[in-house]
Amino acid sequence: MKKKKPDSNWDFQPVQVIDNVARRPAQLKILPLPDSLEFSLPEGHICLITDDGSLTTSHVVQTLCDRSWKVVVLSFPQAIIAQQAPLPAGVERITLADMSEELLQHKLSAIATNIGTIGSFIHIHPQAVEQDKAIVKHIFFVAKHLKKSLTETANYTRSSFLTVVRLDGAFGLEHNTNYGAIAGGLFGLTKTLRWEWPKVFARSIDLSPAIDAQKSAEHIIGELCDSNLYINEVAYGSQGRVTLKASVVK
């Protein structure tokens, strides 16, 4: 498929200087497909994945199971996300009864004690839910309580913290899709974690809603295994794989 060229209106923008700080509009930068780093979680470690209620979760879980990863799925209360994704046989699902931080902390501790140390975390954000804010807040709590586990795992293998949202596949810059902006707050979270947890692989992904579940899972796994440590955020949409850069001064 021929890639669409970025809108020329965004190619060159004047620099704004506010309080002696130069500010430039964001612009899309087309990226090649990710290189794949061969790695697996150590014995006794698991990958925790949140369930968005779609087949994307199912495909991501199945792919990791096929690679001999031990996976646990965390489902939100059905009052928040009514549908639960079907899971491969043998994969344990932990369902939250409410959205309290206390219960979340208890469940994460129970997973670590009874199943395995959490060495990788993938949040797949649901589309079109009314409780966007509550879910995003919960992922901030997850980061808080997984800090010790992920940073310690990173001392001897790759540990990761990924968030996946569906804006427009272009970080909201294409202006052709209705989406909830609240989920965009997860990009700020992963940017912060890259600075606070320098050894942990942290990345945010924006998938176009037009991408089907199987392809979405392929993109998520591709980013999870990307060998490039210098990219914080990636989107997949009409222009292929892109990230953000500051606009060029003319």
Protein backbone atom coordinates (compact mmCIF):
# COMPACT_ATOMS: atom_id res chain seq x y z
CA MET A 1 0.00 0.00 0.00
CA LYS A 2 1.38 3.40 -0.98
CA LYS A 3 2.09 5.56 2.03
CA LYS A 4 0.36 8.89 2.23
CA LYS A 5 2.69 11.88 2.37
CA PRO A 6 2.40 14.09 5.44
CA ASP A 7 0.22 17.14 4.99
CA SER A 8 2.45 19.89 3.59
CA ASN A 9 0.72 22.42 5.82
CA TRP A 10 2.58 20.84 8.71
CA ASP A 11 5.98 20.75 7.00
CA PHE A 12 7.09 24.24 7.95
CA GLN A 13 5.71 26.17 10.88
CA PRO A 14 6.97 29.36 12.49
CA VAL A 15 8.76 29.00 15.81
CA GLN A 16 6.96 30.47 18.79
CA VAL A 17 9.12 31.80 21.60
CA ILE A 18 7.30 32.02 24.93
CA ASP A 19 9.23 32.93 28.08
CA ASN A 20 12.48 32.38 26.14
CA VAL A 21 11.45 28.81 25.28
CA ALA A 22 11.17 27.93 21.58
CA ARG A 23 8.04 25.96 20.72
CA ARG A 24 7.38 24.15 17.44
CA PRO A 25 4.28 22.21 16.36
CA ALA A 26 4.54 18.43 16.35
CA GLN A 27 4.96 16.70 13.01
CA LEU A 28 4.83 13.06 11.94
CA LYS A 29 8.04 11.26 11.05
CA ILE A 30 7.76 8.03 9.06
CA LEU A 31 9.67 5.11 10.57
CA PRO A 32 10.83 1.77 9.16
CA LEU A 33 9.32 -1.39 10.61
CA PRO A 34 10.82 -2.31 13.99
CA ASP A 35 13.80 -4.63 14.29
CA SER A 36 13.17 -7.63 16.51
CA LEU A 37 15.14 -8.29 19.67
CA GLU A 38 15.10 -11.96 20.64
CA PHE A 39 14.41 -12.20 24.36
CA SER A 40 12.14 -13.94 26.83
CA LEU A 41 11.20 -13.47 30.44
CA PRO A 42 13.25 -15.44 32.98
CA GLU A 43 11.85 -18.46 34.79
CA GLY A 44 9.37 -17.39 37.44
CA HIS A 45 8.41 -14.16 35.66
CA ILE A 46 5.16 -13.31 33.89
CA CYS A 47 3.76 -10.74 31.48
CA LEU A 48 0.65 -8.96 32.75
CA ILE A 49 -1.78 -7.75 30.07
CA THR A 50 -4.94 -5.73 30.60
CA ASP A 51 -8.02 -6.91 28.73
CA ASP A 52 -9.71 -4.36 26.46
CA GLY A 53 -12.53 -6.81 25.75
CA SER A 54 -11.55 -7.30 22.11
CA LEU A 55 -9.82 -9.98 20.08
CA THR A 56 -6.68 -7.83 20.10
CA THR A 57 -6.08 -9.01 23.65
CA SER A 58 -6.71 -12.62 22.60
CA HIS A 59 -4.19 -12.44 19.75
CA VAL A 60 -1.49 -10.74 21.84
CA VAL A 61 -1.86 -13.35 24.58
CA GLN A 62 -1.81 -16.23 22.10
CA THR A 63 1.32 -14.91 20.38
CA LEU A 64 3.21 -14.60 23.65
CA CYS A 65 2.05 -18.05 24.78
CA ASP A 66 3.32 -19.45 21.47
CA ARG A 67 6.70 -17.97 22.41
CA SER A 68 6.57 -19.81 25.76
CA TRP A 69 5.86 -16.68 27.80
CA LYS A 70 3.76 -17.07 30.92
CA VAL A 71 0.90 -14.58 30.65
CA VAL A 72 -1.70 -13.35 33.13
CA VAL A 73 -4.64 -11.20 32.01
CA LEU A 74 -6.07 -8.45 34.21
CA SER A 75 -9.71 -7.64 33.48
CA PHE A 76 -11.49 -4.53 34.70
CA PRO A 77 -14.91 -4.80 36.37
CA GLN A 78 -17.60 -5.68 33.87
CA ALA A 79 -19.39 -2.48 34.83
CA ILE A 80 -16.38 -0.73 33.24
CA ILE A 81 -15.71 -3.10 30.30
CA ALA A 82 -18.63 -5.45 29.76
CA GLN A 83 -16.95 -7.80 27.30
CA GLN A 84 -14.07 -10.09 28.21
CA ALA A 85 -11.71 -11.35 25.52
CA PRO A 86 -11.51 -15.14 25.05
CA LEU A 87 -8.20 -16.52 26.29
CA PRO A 88 -6.10 -19.56 25.36
CA ALA A 89 -6.38 -22.58 27.62
CA GLY A 90 -4.23 -22.33 30.71
CA VAL A 91 -4.02 -18.53 30.81
CA GLU A 92 -5.20 -17.15 34.12
CA ARG A 93 -7.56 -14.20 34.25
CA ILE A 94 -7.69 -11.92 37.29
CA THR A 95 -10.87 -9.81 37.37
CA LEU A 96 -11.08 -6.67 39.48
CA ALA A 97 -14.29 -6.36 41.48
CA ASP A 98 -13.89 -2.60 41.79
CA MET A 99 -11.54 0.21 40.80
CA SER A 100 -9.96 0.89 44.18
CA GLU A 101 -6.20 1.21 44.44
CA GLU A 102 -6.24 -1.07 47.49
CA LEU A 103 -7.78 -3.97 45.57
CA LEU A 104 -5.41 -3.44 42.64
CA GLN A 105 -2.40 -3.53 44.95
CA HIS A 106 -3.71 -6.70 46.59
CA LYS A 107 -4.22 -8.42 43.22
CA LEU A 108 -0.77 -7.44 41.94
CA SER A 109 0.82 -8.75 45.13
CA ALA A 110 -1.15 -11.99 44.85
CA ILE A 111 -0.03 -12.46 41.24
CA ALA A 112 3.61 -11.98 42.24
CA THR A 113 3.30 -14.39 45.17
CA ASN A 114 1.20 -17.13 43.58
CA ILE A 115 2.00 -16.99 39.85
CA GLY A 116 5.21 -15.11 39.13
CA THR A 117 7.12 -11.86 39.30
CA ILE A 118 5.70 -9.31 36.88
CA GLY A 119 8.50 -8.59 34.42
CA SER A 120 6.47 -7.07 31.59
CA PHE A 121 3.25 -5.07 31.46
CA ILE A 122 1.04 -4.26 28.46
CA HIS A 123 -2.04 -2.09 28.81
CA ILE A 124 -4.47 -2.32 25.89
CA HIS A 125 -6.89 0.56 26.28
CA PRO A 126 -10.51 -0.07 25.27
CA GLN A 127 -12.32 1.95 22.64
CA ALA A 128 -15.38 4.08 23.30
CA VAL A 129 -15.89 3.52 27.02
CA GLU A 130 -17.40 6.03 29.40
CA GLN A 131 -14.88 5.28 32.14
CA ASP A 132 -11.78 6.42 30.24
CA LYS A 133 -10.59 8.59 33.11
CA ALA A 134 -10.95 5.82 35.70
CA ILE A 135 -9.02 3.36 33.54
CA VAL A 136 -6.19 5.81 32.82
CA LYS A 137 -5.97 6.61 36.54
CA HIS A 138 -5.73 2.89 37.27
CA ILE A 139 -2.80 2.48 34.88
CA PHE A 140 -0.99 5.21 36.80
CA PHE A 141 -1.62 3.11 39.93
CA VAL A 142 -0.30 0.03 38.12
CA ALA A 143 2.91 1.90 37.31
CA LYS A 144 3.23 2.94 40.95
CA HIS A 145 2.92 -0.62 42.24
CA LEU A 146 5.01 -2.29 39.51
CA LYS A 147 8.00 0.03 39.90
CA LYS A 148 9.98 -2.34 42.13
CA SER A 149 9.19 -5.45 40.08
CA LEU A 150 9.96 -3.95 36.67
CA THR A 151 13.07 -2.03 37.67
CA GLU A 152 14.56 -5.06 39.42
CA THR A 153 13.79 -7.33 36.45
CA ALA A 154 15.52 -4.79 34.19
CA ASN A 155 18.80 -5.44 35.99
CA TYR A 156 19.22 -8.78 34.19
CA THR A 157 16.84 -8.84 31.21
CA ARG A 158 14.47 -6.60 29.28
CA SER A 159 11.46 -5.55 31.29
CA SER A 160 8.78 -3.46 29.66
CA PHE A 161 5.85 -1.14 30.23
CA LEU A 162 3.67 -0.62 27.13
CA THR A 163 0.43 1.28 26.68
CA VAL A 164 -1.75 0.89 23.60
CA VAL A 165 -4.52 3.32 22.62
CA ARG A 166 -6.66 3.88 19.54
CA LEU A 167 -6.74 7.56 18.65
CA ASP A 168 -6.33 7.94 14.88
CA GLY A 169 -3.03 6.18 14.24
CA ALA A 170 -1.31 9.57 14.02
CA PHE A 171 -1.32 10.89 17.62
CA GLY A 172 -4.47 12.87 16.85
CA LEU A 173 -2.83 14.93 14.11
CA GLU A 174 -4.95 13.70 11.20
CA HIS A 175 -8.20 15.16 12.58
CA ASN A 176 -10.34 12.59 10.78
CA THR A 177 -11.48 10.34 13.64
CA ASN A 178 -13.54 10.93 16.74
CA TYR A 179 -11.71 9.63 19.79
CA GLY A 180 -11.50 10.21 23.51
CA ALA A 181 -8.57 12.48 24.29
CA ILE A 182 -8.23 11.26 27.89
CA ALA A 183 -6.41 8.09 26.81
CA GLY A 184 -3.72 10.35 25.37
CA GLY A 185 -2.59 10.92 28.94
CA LEU A 186 -0.91 7.52 28.78
CA PHE A 187 1.70 8.98 26.42
CA GLY A 188 2.74 11.35 29.18
CA LEU A 189 2.98 8.46 31.62
CA THR A 190 5.37 6.43 29.49
CA LYS A 191 7.49 9.50 28.72
CA THR A 192 7.86 10.06 32.44
CA LEU A 193 8.69 6.41 33.10
CA ARG A 194 11.48 6.50 30.52
CA TRP A 195 13.21 9.13 32.66
CA GLU A 196 12.36 7.65 36.06
CA TRP A 197 13.00 4.00 35.09
CA PRO A 198 15.87 4.30 32.56
CA LYS A 199 16.50 0.53 32.41
CA VAL A 200 12.85 -0.36 31.70
CA PHE A 201 11.65 -0.40 28.09
CA ALA A 202 8.68 2.01 28.04
CA ARG A 203 6.64 2.78 24.93
CA SER A 204 3.22 4.13 23.94
CA ILE A 205 1.44 2.95 20.81
CA ASP A 206 -1.43 4.60 18.92
CA LEU A 207 -3.25 2.20 16.60
CA SER A 208 -5.74 3.41 14.03
CA PRO A 209 -9.23 2.07 14.80
CA ALA A 210 -9.30 0.78 11.21
CA ILE A 211 -6.60 -1.83 11.96
CA ASP A 212 -8.05 -5.26 12.71
CA ALA A 213 -7.33 -7.31 15.83
CA GLN A 214 -4.78 -9.66 14.27
CA LYS A 215 -2.73 -6.85 12.72
CA SER A 216 -3.03 -4.80 15.91
CA ALA A 217 -1.54 -7.68 17.88
CA GLU A 218 1.31 -7.97 15.37
CA HIS A 219 2.11 -4.28 15.81
CA ILE A 220 2.01 -4.56 19.62
CA ILE A 221 4.35 -7.56 19.64
CA GLY A 222 6.61 -5.82 17.13
CA GLU A 223 6.94 -2.80 19.42
CA LEU A 224 7.41 -4.98 22.50
CA CYS A 225 10.41 -6.60 20.83
CA ASP A 226 11.82 -3.51 19.10
CA SER A 227 15.58 -3.18 19.56
CA ASN A 228 15.48 0.63 19.23
CA LEU A 229 15.62 2.17 22.70
CA TYR A 230 15.43 5.78 21.55
CA ILE A 231 11.78 5.94 20.47
CA ASN A 232 9.15 6.76 23.07
CA GLU A 233 5.95 6.70 21.02
CA VAL A 234 4.84 5.02 17.82
CA ALA A 235 1.63 5.15 15.79
CA TYR A 236 0.26 2.97 13.00
CA GLY A 237 -2.23 4.43 10.56
CA SER A 238 -2.65 5.69 7.01
CA GLN A 239 1.03 6.69 6.78
CA GLY A 240 2.37 3.43 8.15
CA ARG A 241 4.59 3.44 11.23
CA VAL A 242 5.28 6.96 12.49
CA THR A 243 6.55 8.88 15.49
CA LEU A 244 6.62 12.58 16.40
CA LYS A 245 9.22 15.23 15.70
CA ALA A 246 9.36 19.01 15.94
CA SER A 247 8.46 20.83 12.73
CA VAL A 248 11.25 22.20 10.55
CA VAL A 249 11.95 25.93 10.56
CA LYS A 250 11.84 27.48 7.11
